[in-house]
Amino acid sequence: MTRRICVLMFLFPVVLLAQSETIKIDRIGFNQIHMAGFTLTSNAEVNVKGVGAGGEKEQNKIHNYQEDPFNLYAYAWILDAHTREMVWRMTIGNSSTDWWNKTNREFDENVKLPAGEYELYFSSVEPAFSTGFMTLGRWLEKMLGSNDWEDYARKWNVTVSPVNSSVSDAAVLKYQRAMKDGAIVNLNAVG
């Protein structure tokens, strides 16, 4: 009897560890999209945690296609891999400003997801307020000033845990290509 209990006590943590993998995306620079996939074998509550960047409030007007209506320029989202439906997204409402840096925004949220396959994305674009006409002042700032944005970007990341298994970005791209090849209609150019 004691031997069975010892075996159970030894195997129990292994079973728990096998079911609680963490998926992480980090080292994100400007104008990049990083992705990874993960699987949940049963309905689960996962923790989505990380740091992105954005403004203080959502925008009422969008001035160009690069602007985000949620006023974020470094943010994460999760898609259902089969339906392509967005099941979670970083917003102003579910994130808060970093005390040291008012442009970075921290998020830490529990999300209930049904069993299935998911894709995690993190995107960053140069903020709209730093684009536009290149003035002498902007040029001097770019050449001589400190590059705070690169420092801010070092903190950007997202983690999702626990997940049953993780999938690399190459596997996600392969899956997306297979879906594209099997589509009845594929709109990939306007001309």
C-alpha atoms as a PDB file:
ATOM      1  CA  MET A   1       0.000   0.000   0.000  1.00  0.00           C
ATOM      2  CA  THR A   2       2.784   2.420   0.926  1.00  0.00           C
ATOM      3  CA  ARG A   3       4.565   1.612  -2.331  1.00  0.00           C
ATOM      4  CA  ARG A   4       1.428   2.502  -4.359  1.00  0.00           C
ATOM      5  CA  ILE A   5       1.119   5.810  -2.544  1.00  0.00           C
ATOM      6  CA  CYS A   6       4.792   6.591  -3.245  1.00  0.00           C
ATOM      7  CA  VAL A   7       4.334   5.752  -6.945  1.00  0.00           C
ATOM      8  CA  LEU A   8       1.202   7.922  -7.114  1.00  0.00           C
ATOM      9  CA  MET A   9       2.959  10.797  -5.362  1.00  0.00           C
ATOM     10  CA  PHE A  10       5.836  10.501  -7.840  1.00  0.00           C
ATOM     11  CA  LEU A  11       3.621  10.339 -10.949  1.00  0.00           C
ATOM     12  CA  PHE A  12       1.094  12.995  -9.908  1.00  0.00           C
ATOM     13  CA  PRO A  13       3.450  15.987 -10.421  1.00  0.00           C
ATOM     14  CA  VAL A  14       4.527  14.576 -13.810  1.00  0.00           C
ATOM     15  CA  VAL A  15       0.895  14.489 -14.961  1.00  0.00           C
ATOM     16  CA  LEU A  16       0.366  18.040 -13.735  1.00  0.00           C
ATOM     17  CA  LEU A  17       3.535  19.293 -15.422  1.00  0.00           C
ATOM     18  CA  ALA A  18       2.608  17.631 -18.705  1.00  0.00           C
ATOM     19  CA  GLN A  19      -0.608  19.637 -18.803  1.00  0.00           C
ATOM     20  CA  SER A  20       0.752  23.062 -17.905  1.00  0.00           C
ATOM     21  CA  GLU A  21       2.998  24.394 -20.617  1.00  0.00           C
ATOM     22  CA  THR A  22       3.554  28.141 -21.065  1.00  0.00           C
ATOM     23  CA  ILE A  23       3.664  29.831 -24.445  1.00  0.00           C
ATOM     24  CA  LYS A  24       5.611  33.091 -24.751  1.00  0.00           C
ATOM     25  CA  ILE A  25       6.261  35.703 -27.419  1.00  0.00           C
ATOM     26  CA  ASP A  26       8.930  38.316 -26.721  1.00  0.00           C
ATOM     27  CA  ARG A  27      11.769  40.266 -28.389  1.00  0.00           C
ATOM     28  CA  ILE A  28       9.325  42.199 -30.542  1.00  0.00           C
ATOM     29  CA  GLY A  29      10.559  45.176 -32.531  1.00  0.00           C
ATOM     30  CA  PHE A  30       8.634  47.843 -34.413  1.00  0.00           C
ATOM     31  CA  ASN A  31       6.577  46.880 -37.464  1.00  0.00           C
ATOM     32  CA  GLN A  32       6.613  43.172 -36.695  1.00  0.00           C
ATOM     33  CA  ILE A  33       4.065  40.439 -36.095  1.00  0.00           C
ATOM     34  CA  HIS A  34       5.058  37.367 -34.099  1.00  0.00           C
ATOM     35  CA  MET A  35       2.849  34.302 -33.717  1.00  0.00           C
ATOM     36  CA  ALA A  36       2.636  30.949 -31.997  1.00  0.00           C
ATOM     37  CA  GLY A  37      -0.034  28.289 -31.603  1.00  0.00           C
ATOM     38  CA  PHE A  38      -1.371  26.307 -28.696  1.00  0.00           C
ATOM     39  CA  THR A  39      -3.853  23.550 -27.955  1.00  0.00           C
ATOM     40  CA  LEU A  40      -6.328  23.057 -25.126  1.00  0.00           C
ATOM     41  CA  THR A  41      -7.577  19.469 -24.818  1.00  0.00           C
ATOM     42  CA  SER A  42     -10.464  20.524 -22.562  1.00  0.00           C
ATOM     43  CA  ASN A  43     -12.304  23.696 -21.600  1.00  0.00           C
ATOM     44  CA  ALA A  44      -9.886  25.786 -19.557  1.00  0.00           C
ATOM     45  CA  GLU A  45      -9.197  29.145 -18.012  1.00  0.00           C
ATOM     46  CA  VAL A  46      -5.861  30.470 -19.248  1.00  0.00           C
ATOM     47  CA  ASN A  47      -3.893  33.424 -17.952  1.00  0.00           C
ATOM     48  CA  VAL A  48      -2.845  35.981 -20.569  1.00  0.00           C
ATOM     49  CA  LYS A  49      -0.131  38.255 -19.226  1.00  0.00           C
ATOM     50  CA  GLY A  50       2.367  40.688 -20.687  1.00  0.00           C
ATOM     51  CA  VAL A  51       3.330  44.195 -21.717  1.00  0.00           C
ATOM     52  CA  GLY A  52       2.263  46.109 -24.814  1.00  0.00           C
ATOM     53  CA  ALA A  53       2.091  49.816 -25.607  1.00  0.00           C
ATOM     54  CA  GLY A  54      -0.531  52.418 -26.358  1.00  0.00           C
ATOM     55  CA  GLY A  55      -2.286  55.603 -25.386  1.00  0.00           C
ATOM     56  CA  GLU A  56      -4.503  56.515 -22.463  1.00  0.00           C
ATOM     57  CA  LYS A  57      -7.908  56.197 -24.169  1.00  0.00           C
ATOM     58  CA  GLU A  58      -9.513  54.768 -27.292  1.00  0.00           C
ATOM     59  CA  GLN A  59      -9.599  56.918 -30.432  1.00  0.00           C
ATOM     60  CA  ASN A  60     -12.811  58.380 -31.806  1.00  0.00           C
ATOM     61  CA  LYS A  61     -11.374  59.006 -35.282  1.00  0.00           C
ATOM     62  CA  ILE A  62      -9.015  56.878 -37.309  1.00  0.00           C
ATOM     63  CA  HIS A  63      -6.804  58.939 -39.643  1.00  0.00           C
ATOM     64  CA  ASN A  64      -5.041  56.152 -41.533  1.00  0.00           C
ATOM     65  CA  TYR A  65      -5.168  52.388 -41.937  1.00  0.00           C
ATOM     66  CA  GLN A  66      -2.269  51.841 -39.538  1.00  0.00           C
ATOM     67  CA  GLU A  67      -4.022  53.374 -36.555  1.00  0.00           C
ATOM     68  CA  ASP A  68      -5.707  51.079 -34.087  1.00  0.00           C
ATOM     69  CA  PRO A  69      -9.184  52.104 -32.859  1.00  0.00           C
ATOM     70  CA  PHE A  70      -8.138  50.928 -29.394  1.00  0.00           C
ATOM     71  CA  ASN A  71      -5.141  53.333 -29.593  1.00  0.00           C
ATOM     72  CA  LEU A  72      -2.588  50.557 -29.132  1.00  0.00           C
ATOM     73  CA  TYR A  73       0.539  50.147 -31.217  1.00  0.00           C
ATOM     74  CA  ALA A  74       2.019  47.069 -29.542  1.00  0.00           C
ATOM     75  CA  TYR A  75      -0.626  44.518 -28.571  1.00  0.00           C
ATOM     76  CA  ALA A  76      -1.584  40.846 -28.476  1.00  0.00           C
ATOM     77  CA  TRP A  77      -4.647  38.865 -29.533  1.00  0.00           C
ATOM     78  CA  ILE A  78      -5.808  35.244 -29.700  1.00  0.00           C
ATOM     79  CA  LEU A  79      -7.686  33.632 -32.624  1.00  0.00           C
ATOM     80  CA  ASP A  80      -9.561  30.349 -32.756  1.00  0.00           C
ATOM     81  CA  ALA A  81      -7.476  28.511 -35.376  1.00  0.00           C
ATOM     82  CA  HIS A  82     -10.485  26.894 -37.076  1.00  0.00           C
ATOM     83  CA  THR A  83     -13.154  29.613 -37.046  1.00  0.00           C
ATOM     84  CA  ARG A  84     -10.625  32.522 -37.299  1.00  0.00           C
ATOM     85  CA  GLU A  85     -12.720  34.286 -34.641  1.00  0.00           C
ATOM     86  CA  MET A  86     -10.883  36.584 -32.239  1.00  0.00           C
ATOM     87  CA  VAL A  87     -11.417  35.202 -28.724  1.00  0.00           C
ATOM     88  CA  TRP A  88      -9.285  37.713 -26.796  1.00  0.00           C
ATOM     89  CA  ARG A  89      -7.555  41.027 -27.509  1.00  0.00           C
ATOM     90  CA  MET A  90      -5.514  43.488 -25.500  1.00  0.00           C
ATOM     91  CA  THR A  91      -7.426  46.767 -25.132  1.00  0.00           C
ATOM     92  CA  ILE A  92      -7.201  49.966 -23.109  1.00  0.00           C
ATOM     93  CA  GLY A  93      -9.897  48.485 -20.857  1.00  0.00           C
ATOM     94  CA  ASN A  94      -8.024  45.302 -19.922  1.00  0.00           C
ATOM     95  CA  SER A  95      -4.576  46.893 -19.556  1.00  0.00           C
ATOM     96  CA  SER A  96      -3.029  49.576 -17.375  1.00  0.00           C
ATOM     97  CA  THR A  97      -0.136  51.982 -17.801  1.00  0.00           C
ATOM     98  CA  ASP A  98       3.303  51.033 -16.583  1.00  0.00           C
ATOM     99  CA  TRP A  99       4.310  53.247 -13.653  1.00  0.00           C
ATOM    100  CA  TRP A 100       7.801  53.879 -15.080  1.00  0.00           C
ATOM    101  CA  ASN A 101       6.753  54.369 -18.684  1.00  0.00           C
ATOM    102  CA  LYS A 102       3.352  55.811 -19.512  1.00  0.00           C
ATOM    103  CA  THR A 103       3.314  54.395 -23.074  1.00  0.00           C
ATOM    104  CA  ASN A 104       3.832  50.774 -22.030  1.00  0.00           C
ATOM    105  CA  ARG A 105       0.665  49.009 -20.898  1.00  0.00           C
ATOM    106  CA  GLU A 106       0.555  45.894 -18.707  1.00  0.00           C
ATOM    107  CA  PHE A 107      -2.168  43.262 -18.918  1.00  0.00           C
ATOM    108  CA  ASP A 108      -2.919  40.236 -16.763  1.00  0.00           C
ATOM    109  CA  GLU A 109      -6.262  38.588 -17.445  1.00  0.00           C
ATOM    110  CA  ASN A 110      -7.842  35.152 -17.073  1.00  0.00           C
ATOM    111  CA  VAL A 111      -9.765  34.031 -20.160  1.00  0.00           C
ATOM    112  CA  LYS A 112     -12.116  31.028 -20.387  1.00  0.00           C
ATOM    113  CA  LEU A 113     -11.636  29.121 -23.639  1.00  0.00           C
ATOM    114  CA  PRO A 114     -13.256  25.945 -24.942  1.00  0.00           C
ATOM    115  CA  ALA A 115     -11.132  22.982 -25.970  1.00  0.00           C
ATOM    116  CA  GLY A 116      -9.495  23.613 -29.330  1.00  0.00           C
ATOM    117  CA  GLU A 117      -6.556  25.014 -31.239  1.00  0.00           C
ATOM    118  CA  TYR A 118      -5.602  28.671 -30.977  1.00  0.00           C
ATOM    119  CA  GLU A 119      -3.168  31.154 -32.468  1.00  0.00           C
ATOM    120  CA  LEU A 120      -1.473  33.819 -30.339  1.00  0.00           C
ATOM    121  CA  TYR A 121      -0.271  36.991 -32.081  1.00  0.00           C
ATOM    122  CA  PHE A 122       1.690  40.067 -31.025  1.00  0.00           C
ATOM    123  CA  SER A 123       1.949  43.045 -33.367  1.00  0.00           C
ATOM    124  CA  SER A 124       3.742  46.362 -33.163  1.00  0.00           C
ATOM    125  CA  VAL A 125       3.633  49.411 -35.421  1.00  0.00           C
ATOM    126  CA  GLU A 126       5.265  52.787 -35.110  1.00  0.00           C
ATOM    127  CA  PRO A 127       2.844  55.105 -33.284  1.00  0.00           C
ATOM    128  CA  ALA A 128       0.906  57.468 -35.555  1.00  0.00           C
ATOM    129  CA  PHE A 129       2.116  60.506 -33.624  1.00  0.00           C
ATOM    130  CA  SER A 130       5.706  59.749 -34.612  1.00  0.00           C
ATOM    131  CA  THR A 131       4.990  59.344 -38.327  1.00  0.00           C
ATOM    132  CA  GLY A 132       4.192  61.984 -40.888  1.00  0.00           C
ATOM    133  CA  PHE A 133       6.195  64.778 -42.454  1.00  0.00           C
ATOM    134  CA  MET A 134       9.890  64.697 -41.552  1.00  0.00           C
ATOM    135  CA  THR A 135      10.755  68.082 -40.092  1.00  0.00           C
ATOM    136  CA  LEU A 136      14.229  69.261 -39.162  1.00  0.00           C
ATOM    137  CA  GLY A 137      13.330  68.770 -35.491  1.00  0.00           C
ATOM    138  CA  ARG A 138      12.224  65.155 -36.064  1.00  0.00           C
ATOM    139  CA  TRP A 139      15.313  64.444 -38.137  1.00  0.00           C
ATOM    140  CA  LEU A 140      17.605  65.840 -35.418  1.00  0.00           C
ATOM    141  CA  GLU A 141      15.743  63.857 -32.764  1.00  0.00           C
ATOM    142  CA  LYS A 142      16.158  60.641 -34.780  1.00  0.00           C
ATOM    143  CA  MET A 143      19.865  61.281 -35.384  1.00  0.00           C
ATOM    144  CA  LEU A 144      20.954  62.752 -32.067  1.00  0.00           C
ATOM    145  CA  GLY A 145      18.300  61.836 -29.548  1.00  0.00           C
ATOM    146  CA  SER A 146      18.057  58.709 -27.482  1.00  0.00           C
ATOM    147  CA  ASN A 147      15.968  55.944 -28.977  1.00  0.00           C
ATOM    148  CA  ASP A 148      13.493  55.408 -26.155  1.00  0.00           C
ATOM    149  CA  TRP A 149      11.220  53.284 -28.363  1.00  0.00           C
ATOM    150  CA  GLU A 150      13.804  50.522 -28.608  1.00  0.00           C
ATOM    151  CA  ASP A 151      14.115  50.556 -24.816  1.00  0.00           C
ATOM    152  CA  TYR A 152      10.326  50.369 -24.454  1.00  0.00           C
ATOM    153  CA  ALA A 153      10.096  47.550 -27.012  1.00  0.00           C
ATOM    154  CA  ARG A 154      12.478  45.350 -25.002  1.00  0.00           C
ATOM    155  CA  LYS A 155       9.735  44.945 -22.395  1.00  0.00           C
ATOM    156  CA  TRP A 156       6.977  43.955 -24.854  1.00  0.00           C
ATOM    157  CA  ASN A 157       5.860  40.335 -24.426  1.00  0.00           C
ATOM    158  CA  VAL A 158       2.885  38.058 -23.937  1.00  0.00           C
ATOM    159  CA  THR A 159       2.566  34.714 -22.132  1.00  0.00           C
ATOM    160  CA  VAL A 160      -0.365  32.303 -22.057  1.00  0.00           C
ATOM    161  CA  SER A 161      -0.565  29.516 -19.485  1.00  0.00           C
ATOM    162  CA  PRO A 162      -1.448  26.795 -18.842  1.00  0.00           C
ATOM    163  CA  VAL A 163      -1.781  25.205 -22.290  1.00  0.00           C
ATOM    164  CA  ASN A 164      -1.585  21.518 -23.184  1.00  0.00           C
ATOM    165  CA  SER A 165       0.843  21.918 -26.067  1.00  0.00           C
ATOM    166  CA  SER A 166       2.509  24.727 -27.971  1.00  0.00           C
ATOM    167  CA  VAL A 167       3.085  25.066 -31.706  1.00  0.00           C
ATOM    168  CA  SER A 168       5.848  27.067 -33.426  1.00  0.00           C
ATOM    169  CA  ASP A 169       5.197  29.984 -35.756  1.00  0.00           C
ATOM    170  CA  ALA A 170       6.374  27.810 -38.692  1.00  0.00           C
ATOM    171  CA  ALA A 171       3.678  25.234 -37.888  1.00  0.00           C
ATOM    172  CA  VAL A 172       1.044  27.991 -37.646  1.00  0.00           C
ATOM    173  CA  LEU A 173       2.078  29.301 -41.085  1.00  0.00           C
ATOM    174  CA  LYS A 174       1.942  25.774 -42.532  1.00  0.00           C
ATOM    175  CA  TYR A 175      -1.583  25.335 -41.135  1.00  0.00           C
ATOM    176  CA  GLN A 176      -2.660  28.709 -42.564  1.00  0.00           C
ATOM    177  CA  ARG A 177      -1.302  27.784 -46.013  1.00  0.00           C
ATOM    178  CA  ALA A 178      -3.212  24.491 -45.899  1.00  0.00           C
ATOM    179  CA  MET A 179      -6.417  26.356 -45.031  1.00  0.00           C
ATOM    180  CA  LYS A 180      -5.765  28.819 -47.868  1.00  0.00           C
ATOM    181  CA  ASP A 181      -5.164  25.990 -50.366  1.00  0.00           C
ATOM    182  CA  GLY A 182      -8.424  24.315 -49.337  1.00  0.00           C
ATOM    183  CA  ALA A 183     -10.520  27.485 -49.607  1.00  0.00           C
ATOM    184  CA  ILE A 184     -13.316  27.761 -52.158  1.00  0.00           C
ATOM    185  CA  VAL A 185     -12.566  31.461 -52.694  1.00  0.00           C
ATOM    186  CA  ASN A 186      -9.166  33.008 -52.051  1.00  0.00           C
ATOM    187  CA  LEU A 187      -8.930  36.787 -52.338  1.00  0.00           C
ATOM    188  CA  ASN A 188      -5.281  37.718 -52.169  1.00  0.00           C
ATOM    189  CA  ALA A 189      -4.930  40.618 -54.601  1.00  0.00           C
ATOM    190  CA  VAL A 190      -6.827  43.664 -55.755  1.00  0.00           C
ATOM    191  CA  GLY A 191      -6.074  44.781 -59.166  1.00  0.00           C
END
